[in-house]
Amino acid sequence: MTLPLNTPGFTDTEPSKGLINKTFTYIVTLLISIFIAAIISLLIIKNNVNEISDKHDEFLLRKALDARQESMRSHLKDNAEWGDAYKHLHLNTDVHWAWDKQNLGKSLYDNFGYEGVFVLSPAGTTRYSVVDGKLKLQDPERWLDKSTKDRLLHDVSIRNGLPVSMLVLIDSVPAIVSAEWITTGDDTSVQPLPGKPSTMVFIDKLTAEKLLTIGQDAGIKNV
């Protein structure tokens, strides 16, 4: 028996509704998938951009720190390769010449920010030191561990007394440490004595304030 098309309870739209629901579900699922894929793509792009930016900033910071180390070695060279320094800091320990006359005194802290200035005997003991711009006899091992100090002196010896520098941590603060033998330089009026010379050491602690300044000069924000 066949029911008439207008029989109550029968409708030819039920298959159409099912198809529409399936199509709608598919479209919604597709849109959600596209949306999620777009978000993931944006996050990946952002991460790649950040990574490239970080690497670029790291490159600039390394160059800035290398330049700072080079500048420090230059300052050390000016002070260590000097006939008067050889006479007053190696042959003798003349505090009046070094501190009172400011030949190796507070100006290194005021002008360059070097928190530590040391003159070490050939045996490695402190003969003269300026700490935070103040005359204060102190061993650099109060700042550096013994292995770092020994490595620094060893590196200077390998380079036959020429200036060396390295990056270290001092109380969790990054710092540049540089050292060089004290020699007569080009001063032929001073006769060098045989034996191992004394060593001059500069320490530059890279505080937060210094790092911000270094970063600004290099075009890096919030170093």
C-alpha atoms as a PDB file:
ATOM      1  CA  MET A   1       0.000   0.000   0.000  1.00  0.00           C
ATOM      2  CA  THR A   2       1.401   3.417  -0.968  1.00  0.00           C
ATOM      3  CA  LEU A   3       0.745   6.497   1.202  1.00  0.00           C
ATOM      4  CA  PRO A   4      -0.216   9.697  -0.533  1.00  0.00           C
ATOM      5  CA  LEU A   5       2.479  12.392  -0.515  1.00  0.00           C
ATOM      6  CA  ASN A   6       0.249  14.631   1.600  1.00  0.00           C
ATOM      7  CA  THR A   7      -0.168  12.021   4.318  1.00  0.00           C
ATOM      8  CA  PRO A   8       0.412  13.594   7.810  1.00  0.00           C
ATOM      9  CA  GLY A   9       3.821  12.638   9.374  1.00  0.00           C
ATOM     10  CA  PHE A  10       5.506  12.170   6.030  1.00  0.00           C
ATOM     11  CA  THR A  11       7.875  14.799   4.599  1.00  0.00           C
ATOM     12  CA  ASP A  12      10.364  14.737   1.770  1.00  0.00           C
ATOM     13  CA  THR A  13      12.555  17.396   3.499  1.00  0.00           C
ATOM     14  CA  GLU A  14      14.077  15.040   6.102  1.00  0.00           C
ATOM     15  CA  PRO A  15      16.868  13.789   3.774  1.00  0.00           C
ATOM     16  CA  SER A  16      17.539  17.423   2.820  1.00  0.00           C
ATOM     17  CA  LYS A  17      17.787  18.476   6.464  1.00  0.00           C
ATOM     18  CA  GLY A  18      20.290  15.667   7.139  1.00  0.00           C
ATOM     19  CA  LEU A  19      22.374  16.741   4.184  1.00  0.00           C
ATOM     20  CA  ILE A  20      22.273  20.367   5.299  1.00  0.00           C
ATOM     21  CA  ASN A  21      23.319  19.423   8.855  1.00  0.00           C
ATOM     22  CA  LYS A  22      26.207  17.319   7.571  1.00  0.00           C
ATOM     23  CA  THR A  23      27.293  20.101   5.220  1.00  0.00           C
ATOM     24  CA  PHE A  24      27.065  22.695   7.996  1.00  0.00           C
ATOM     25  CA  THR A  25      29.070  20.484  10.357  1.00  0.00           C
ATOM     26  CA  TYR A  26      31.695  19.972   7.688  1.00  0.00           C
ATOM     27  CA  ILE A  27      31.953  23.697   6.933  1.00  0.00           C
ATOM     28  CA  VAL A  28      32.174  24.608  10.630  1.00  0.00           C
ATOM     29  CA  THR A  29      34.834  21.956  11.199  1.00  0.00           C
ATOM     30  CA  LEU A  30      36.737  23.200   8.151  1.00  0.00           C
ATOM     31  CA  LEU A  31      36.544  26.822   9.299  1.00  0.00           C
ATOM     32  CA  ILE A  32      37.709  25.881  12.791  1.00  0.00           C
ATOM     33  CA  SER A  33      40.588  23.869  11.307  1.00  0.00           C
ATOM     34  CA  ILE A  34      41.568  26.788   9.061  1.00  0.00           C
ATOM     35  CA  PHE A  35      41.359  29.167  12.027  1.00  0.00           C
ATOM     36  CA  ILE A  36      43.530  26.904  14.196  1.00  0.00           C
ATOM     37  CA  ALA A  37      46.007  26.424  11.345  1.00  0.00           C
ATOM     38  CA  ALA A  38      46.192  30.199  10.861  1.00  0.00           C
ATOM     39  CA  ILE A  39      46.851  30.759  14.567  1.00  0.00           C
ATOM     40  CA  ILE A  40      49.564  28.088  14.602  1.00  0.00           C
ATOM     41  CA  SER A  41      51.134  29.596  11.486  1.00  0.00           C
ATOM     42  CA  LEU A  42      51.147  33.050  13.065  1.00  0.00           C
ATOM     43  CA  LEU A  43      52.712  31.678  16.239  1.00  0.00           C
ATOM     44  CA  ILE A  44      55.389  29.889  14.218  1.00  0.00           C
ATOM     45  CA  ILE A  45      56.086  33.039  12.206  1.00  0.00           C
ATOM     46  CA  LYS A  46      56.222  35.127  15.383  1.00  0.00           C
ATOM     47  CA  ASN A  47      58.557  32.598  17.009  1.00  0.00           C
ATOM     48  CA  ASN A  48      60.826  32.604  13.950  1.00  0.00           C
ATOM     49  CA  VAL A  49      60.868  36.416  13.874  1.00  0.00           C
ATOM     50  CA  ASN A  50      61.669  36.514  17.594  1.00  0.00           C
ATOM     51  CA  GLU A  51      64.408  33.927  17.140  1.00  0.00           C
ATOM     52  CA  ILE A  52      65.940  35.897  14.266  1.00  0.00           C
ATOM     53  CA  SER A  53      65.669  39.100  16.314  1.00  0.00           C
ATOM     54  CA  ASP A  54      67.268  37.421  19.348  1.00  0.00           C
ATOM     55  CA  LYS A  55      70.132  36.084  17.247  1.00  0.00           C
ATOM     56  CA  HIS A  56      70.641  39.521  15.730  1.00  0.00           C
ATOM     57  CA  ASP A  57      70.639  41.131  19.186  1.00  0.00           C
ATOM     58  CA  GLU A  58      73.035  38.449  20.428  1.00  0.00           C
ATOM     59  CA  PHE A  59      75.366  39.200  17.513  1.00  0.00           C
ATOM     60  CA  LEU A  60      75.268  42.930  18.254  1.00  0.00           C
ATOM     61  CA  LEU A  61      75.827  42.327  21.973  1.00  0.00           C
ATOM     62  CA  ARG A  62      78.807  40.056  21.295  1.00  0.00           C
ATOM     63  CA  LYS A  63      80.316  42.734  19.058  1.00  0.00           C
ATOM     64  CA  ALA A  64      79.701  45.376  21.740  1.00  0.00           C
ATOM     65  CA  LEU A  65      81.326  43.220  24.437  1.00  0.00           C
ATOM     66  CA  ASP A  66      84.253  42.416  22.155  1.00  0.00           C
ATOM     67  CA  ALA A  67      84.714  46.144  21.541  1.00  0.00           C
ATOM     68  CA  ARG A  68      84.574  46.806  25.286  1.00  0.00           C
ATOM     69  CA  GLN A  69      87.217  44.150  25.918  1.00  0.00           C
ATOM     70  CA  GLU A  70      89.395  45.633  23.202  1.00  0.00           C
ATOM     71  CA  SER A  71      89.023  49.090  24.735  1.00  0.00           C
ATOM     72  CA  MET A  72      89.918  47.700  28.146  1.00  0.00           C
ATOM     73  CA  ARG A  73      93.052  46.020  26.776  1.00  0.00           C
ATOM     74  CA  SER A  74      93.993  49.324  25.181  1.00  0.00           C
ATOM     75  CA  HIS A  75      93.646  51.168  28.519  1.00  0.00           C
ATOM     76  CA  LEU A  76      95.672  48.435  30.183  1.00  0.00           C
ATOM     77  CA  LYS A  77      98.368  48.688  27.526  1.00  0.00           C
ATOM     78  CA  ASP A  78      98.637  52.457  28.067  1.00  0.00           C
ATOM     79  CA  ASN A  79      99.199  51.968  31.793  1.00  0.00           C
ATOM     80  CA  ALA A  80     101.268  48.790  31.856  1.00  0.00           C
ATOM     81  CA  GLU A  81     103.716  49.445  29.006  1.00  0.00           C
ATOM     82  CA  TRP A  82     105.191  52.512  30.656  1.00  0.00           C
ATOM     83  CA  GLY A  83     108.640  53.108  32.028  1.00  0.00           C
ATOM     84  CA  ASP A  84     107.371  55.111  35.022  1.00  0.00           C
ATOM     85  CA  ALA A  85     104.909  52.358  35.916  1.00  0.00           C
ATOM     86  CA  TYR A  86     107.754  49.833  35.756  1.00  0.00           C
ATOM     87  CA  LYS A  87     109.841  51.972  38.125  1.00  0.00           C
ATOM     88  CA  HIS A  88     107.061  52.792  40.579  1.00  0.00           C
ATOM     89  CA  LEU A  89     104.987  49.602  40.514  1.00  0.00           C
ATOM     90  CA  HIS A  90     107.455  46.819  39.722  1.00  0.00           C
ATOM     91  CA  LEU A  91     110.854  47.930  40.961  1.00  0.00           C
ATOM     92  CA  ASN A  92     109.105  49.570  43.921  1.00  0.00           C
ATOM     93  CA  THR A  93     105.571  49.990  45.223  1.00  0.00           C
ATOM     94  CA  ASP A  94     105.204  53.761  45.210  1.00  0.00           C
ATOM     95  CA  VAL A  95     101.704  54.498  46.515  1.00  0.00           C
ATOM     96  CA  HIS A  96     102.419  58.247  46.392  1.00  0.00           C
ATOM     97  CA  TRP A  97     103.143  58.046  42.659  1.00  0.00           C
ATOM     98  CA  ALA A  98     100.253  55.692  41.913  1.00  0.00           C
ATOM     99  CA  TRP A  99      97.510  57.063  44.167  1.00  0.00           C
ATOM    100  CA  ASP A 100      98.396  60.561  45.372  1.00  0.00           C
ATOM    101  CA  LYS A 101      99.550  61.666  41.925  1.00  0.00           C
ATOM    102  CA  GLN A 102      96.699  59.682  40.321  1.00  0.00           C
ATOM    103  CA  ASN A 103      98.843  57.833  37.826  1.00  0.00           C
ATOM    104  CA  LEU A 104      96.925  54.641  38.573  1.00  0.00           C
ATOM    105  CA  GLY A 105      94.134  55.805  40.822  1.00  0.00           C
ATOM    106  CA  LYS A 106      90.519  56.917  41.083  1.00  0.00           C
ATOM    107  CA  SER A 107      90.289  58.219  37.505  1.00  0.00           C
ATOM    108  CA  LEU A 108      90.140  54.664  36.156  1.00  0.00           C
ATOM    109  CA  TYR A 109      86.937  54.180  38.151  1.00  0.00           C
ATOM    110  CA  ASP A 110      85.492  57.624  37.420  1.00  0.00           C
ATOM    111  CA  ASN A 111      86.250  57.654  33.699  1.00  0.00           C
ATOM    112  CA  PHE A 112      85.945  53.991  32.716  1.00  0.00           C
ATOM    113  CA  GLY A 113      84.040  52.351  35.563  1.00  0.00           C
ATOM    114  CA  TYR A 114      86.772  49.840  36.454  1.00  0.00           C
ATOM    115  CA  GLU A 115      85.797  48.593  39.894  1.00  0.00           C
ATOM    116  CA  GLY A 116      89.054  46.694  40.366  1.00  0.00           C
ATOM    117  CA  VAL A 117      92.611  47.817  39.615  1.00  0.00           C
ATOM    118  CA  PHE A 118      95.397  45.544  40.863  1.00  0.00           C
ATOM    119  CA  VAL A 119      99.166  45.275  40.655  1.00  0.00           C
ATOM    120  CA  LEU A 120     100.367  41.736  41.370  1.00  0.00           C
ATOM    121  CA  SER A 121     103.910  40.779  42.204  1.00  0.00           C
ATOM    122  CA  PRO A 122     105.726  38.157  40.088  1.00  0.00           C
ATOM    123  CA  ALA A 123     104.582  35.651  42.737  1.00  0.00           C
ATOM    124  CA  GLY A 124     100.946  36.702  42.278  1.00  0.00           C
ATOM    125  CA  THR A 125     100.408  38.620  45.540  1.00  0.00           C
ATOM    126  CA  THR A 126      98.801  42.060  45.599  1.00  0.00           C
ATOM    127  CA  ARG A 127     101.171  44.995  45.850  1.00  0.00           C
ATOM    128  CA  TYR A 128      98.706  47.767  45.092  1.00  0.00           C
ATOM    129  CA  SER A 129      94.968  47.921  44.447  1.00  0.00           C
ATOM    130  CA  VAL A 130      92.117  50.364  43.927  1.00  0.00           C
ATOM    131  CA  VAL A 131      88.646  48.979  44.678  1.00  0.00           C
ATOM    132  CA  ASP A 132      85.522  50.909  43.659  1.00  0.00           C
ATOM    133  CA  GLY A 133      87.603  54.031  43.262  1.00  0.00           C
ATOM    134  CA  LYS A 134      89.171  53.767  46.725  1.00  0.00           C
ATOM    135  CA  LEU A 135      92.701  52.885  47.744  1.00  0.00           C
ATOM    136  CA  LYS A 136      92.318  49.490  49.352  1.00  0.00           C
ATOM    137  CA  LEU A 137      94.794  46.632  49.490  1.00  0.00           C
ATOM    138  CA  GLN A 138      92.848  43.585  48.433  1.00  0.00           C
ATOM    139  CA  ASP A 139      93.615  40.338  46.669  1.00  0.00           C
ATOM    140  CA  PRO A 140      91.726  39.779  43.382  1.00  0.00           C
ATOM    141  CA  GLU A 141      90.770  36.355  44.736  1.00  0.00           C
ATOM    142  CA  ARG A 142      88.153  38.243  46.761  1.00  0.00           C
ATOM    143  CA  TRP A 143      86.561  38.788  43.330  1.00  0.00           C
ATOM    144  CA  LEU A 144      87.808  35.863  41.270  1.00  0.00           C
ATOM    145  CA  ASP A 145      88.166  32.262  42.305  1.00  0.00           C
ATOM    146  CA  LYS A 146      91.724  30.950  42.373  1.00  0.00           C
ATOM    147  CA  SER A 147      91.331  28.888  39.219  1.00  0.00           C
ATOM    148  CA  THR A 148      90.191  31.964  37.241  1.00  0.00           C
ATOM    149  CA  LYS A 149      93.077  34.046  38.586  1.00  0.00           C
ATOM    150  CA  ASP A 150      95.553  31.285  37.746  1.00  0.00           C
ATOM    151  CA  ARG A 151      94.096  30.907  34.244  1.00  0.00           C
ATOM    152  CA  LEU A 152      94.319  34.664  33.683  1.00  0.00           C
ATOM    153  CA  LEU A 153      97.987  34.783  34.721  1.00  0.00           C
ATOM    154  CA  HIS A 154      98.686  31.661  32.664  1.00  0.00           C
ATOM    155  CA  ASP A 155      97.124  33.230  29.548  1.00  0.00           C
ATOM    156  CA  VAL A 156      99.238  36.373  30.011  1.00  0.00           C
ATOM    157  CA  SER A 157     102.345  34.233  30.320  1.00  0.00           C
ATOM    158  CA  ILE A 158     101.489  32.296  27.137  1.00  0.00           C
ATOM    159  CA  ARG A 159     101.164  35.611  25.280  1.00  0.00           C
ATOM    160  CA  ASN A 160     104.525  36.695  26.667  1.00  0.00           C
ATOM    161  CA  GLY A 161     102.967  39.470  28.742  1.00  0.00           C
ATOM    162  CA  LEU A 162     100.648  40.976  26.134  1.00  0.00           C
ATOM    163  CA  PRO A 163      97.173  42.003  27.352  1.00  0.00           C
ATOM    164  CA  VAL A 164      94.476  39.337  27.611  1.00  0.00           C
ATOM    165  CA  SER A 165      90.853  39.564  28.675  1.00  0.00           C
ATOM    166  CA  MET A 166      88.045  37.180  29.543  1.00  0.00           C
ATOM    167  CA  LEU A 167      84.396  37.214  30.581  1.00  0.00           C
ATOM    168  CA  VAL A 168      83.720  35.834  34.063  1.00  0.00           C
ATOM    169  CA  LEU A 169      81.044  35.893  36.754  1.00  0.00           C
ATOM    170  CA  ILE A 170      81.685  37.788  39.985  1.00  0.00           C
ATOM    171  CA  ASP A 171      78.942  37.186  42.562  1.00  0.00           C
ATOM    172  CA  SER A 172      76.570  36.279  39.700  1.00  0.00           C
ATOM    173  CA  VAL A 173      77.402  39.531  37.870  1.00  0.00           C
ATOM    174  CA  PRO A 174      79.140  39.264  34.476  1.00  0.00           C
ATOM    175  CA  ALA A 175      82.496  41.013  34.347  1.00  0.00           C
ATOM    176  CA  ILE A 176      85.448  41.572  32.063  1.00  0.00           C
ATOM    177  CA  VAL A 177      88.860  40.826  33.542  1.00  0.00           C
ATOM    178  CA  SER A 178      91.996  41.936  31.725  1.00  0.00           C
ATOM    179  CA  ALA A 179      95.671  41.529  32.599  1.00  0.00           C
ATOM    180  CA  GLU A 180      99.111  42.427  31.223  1.00  0.00           C
ATOM    181  CA  TRP A 181     102.703  42.400  32.390  1.00  0.00           C
ATOM    182  CA  ILE A 182     104.158  45.724  33.512  1.00  0.00           C
ATOM    183  CA  THR A 183     107.064  46.564  31.213  1.00  0.00           C
ATOM    184  CA  THR A 184     109.237  49.530  30.290  1.00  0.00           C
ATOM    185  CA  GLY A 185     107.490  49.855  26.941  1.00  0.00           C
ATOM    186  CA  ASP A 186     109.384  52.176  24.606  1.00  0.00           C
ATOM    187  CA  ASP A 187     111.143  53.942  27.461  1.00  0.00           C
ATOM    188  CA  THR A 188     114.836  53.246  26.905  1.00  0.00           C
ATOM    189  CA  SER A 189     115.783  55.308  29.965  1.00  0.00           C
ATOM    190  CA  VAL A 190     114.548  52.529  32.270  1.00  0.00           C
ATOM    191  CA  GLN A 191     116.658  49.408  32.498  1.00  0.00           C
ATOM    192  CA  PRO A 192     114.495  46.280  32.965  1.00  0.00           C
ATOM    193  CA  LEU A 193     115.666  43.724  35.479  1.00  0.00           C
ATOM    194  CA  PRO A 194     115.905  40.004  34.690  1.00  0.00           C
ATOM    195  CA  GLY A 195     113.134  37.786  35.935  1.00  0.00           C
ATOM    196  CA  LYS A 196     109.369  37.702  35.720  1.00  0.00           C
ATOM    197  CA  PRO A 197     107.640  41.116  35.774  1.00  0.00           C
ATOM    198  CA  SER A 198     104.660  42.219  37.844  1.00  0.00           C
ATOM    199  CA  THR A 199     101.138  42.043  36.407  1.00  0.00           C
ATOM    200  CA  MET A 200      98.494  44.745  36.127  1.00  0.00           C
ATOM    201  CA  VAL A 201      94.849  43.640  36.297  1.00  0.00           C
ATOM    202  CA  PHE A 202      91.665  45.604  35.519  1.00  0.00           C
ATOM    203  CA  ILE A 203      88.150  44.393  36.397  1.00  0.00           C
ATOM    204  CA  ASP A 204      85.001  45.836  34.819  1.00  0.00           C
ATOM    205  CA  LYS A 205      81.761  44.534  36.357  1.00  0.00           C
ATOM    206  CA  LEU A 206      78.933  44.611  33.818  1.00  0.00           C
ATOM    207  CA  THR A 207      76.182  45.846  36.110  1.00  0.00           C
ATOM    208  CA  ALA A 208      72.577  46.220  34.943  1.00  0.00           C
ATOM    209  CA  GLU A 209      73.132  49.939  34.385  1.00  0.00           C
ATOM    210  CA  LYS A 210      76.246  49.319  32.296  1.00  0.00           C
ATOM    211  CA  LEU A 211      74.519  46.625  30.239  1.00  0.00           C
ATOM    212  CA  LEU A 212      71.599  48.940  29.480  1.00  0.00           C
ATOM    213  CA  THR A 213      74.038  51.592  28.279  1.00  0.00           C
ATOM    214  CA  ILE A 214      75.971  49.048  26.203  1.00  0.00           C
ATOM    215  CA  GLY A 215      72.687  47.856  24.689  1.00  0.00           C
ATOM    216  CA  GLN A 216      71.479  51.350  23.872  1.00  0.00           C
ATOM    217  CA  ASP A 217      74.761  52.167  22.173  1.00  0.00           C
ATOM    218  CA  ALA A 218      74.468  48.958  20.130  1.00  0.00           C
ATOM    219  CA  GLY A 219      70.775  49.467  19.322  1.00  0.00           C
ATOM    220  CA  ILE A 220      69.497  46.707  21.624  1.00  0.00           C
ATOM    221  CA  LYS A 221      66.605  47.305  24.010  1.00  0.00           C
ATOM    222  CA  ASN A 222      66.462  46.039  27.601  1.00  0.00           C
ATOM    223  CA  VAL A 223      69.761  44.142  27.650  1.00  0.00           C
END
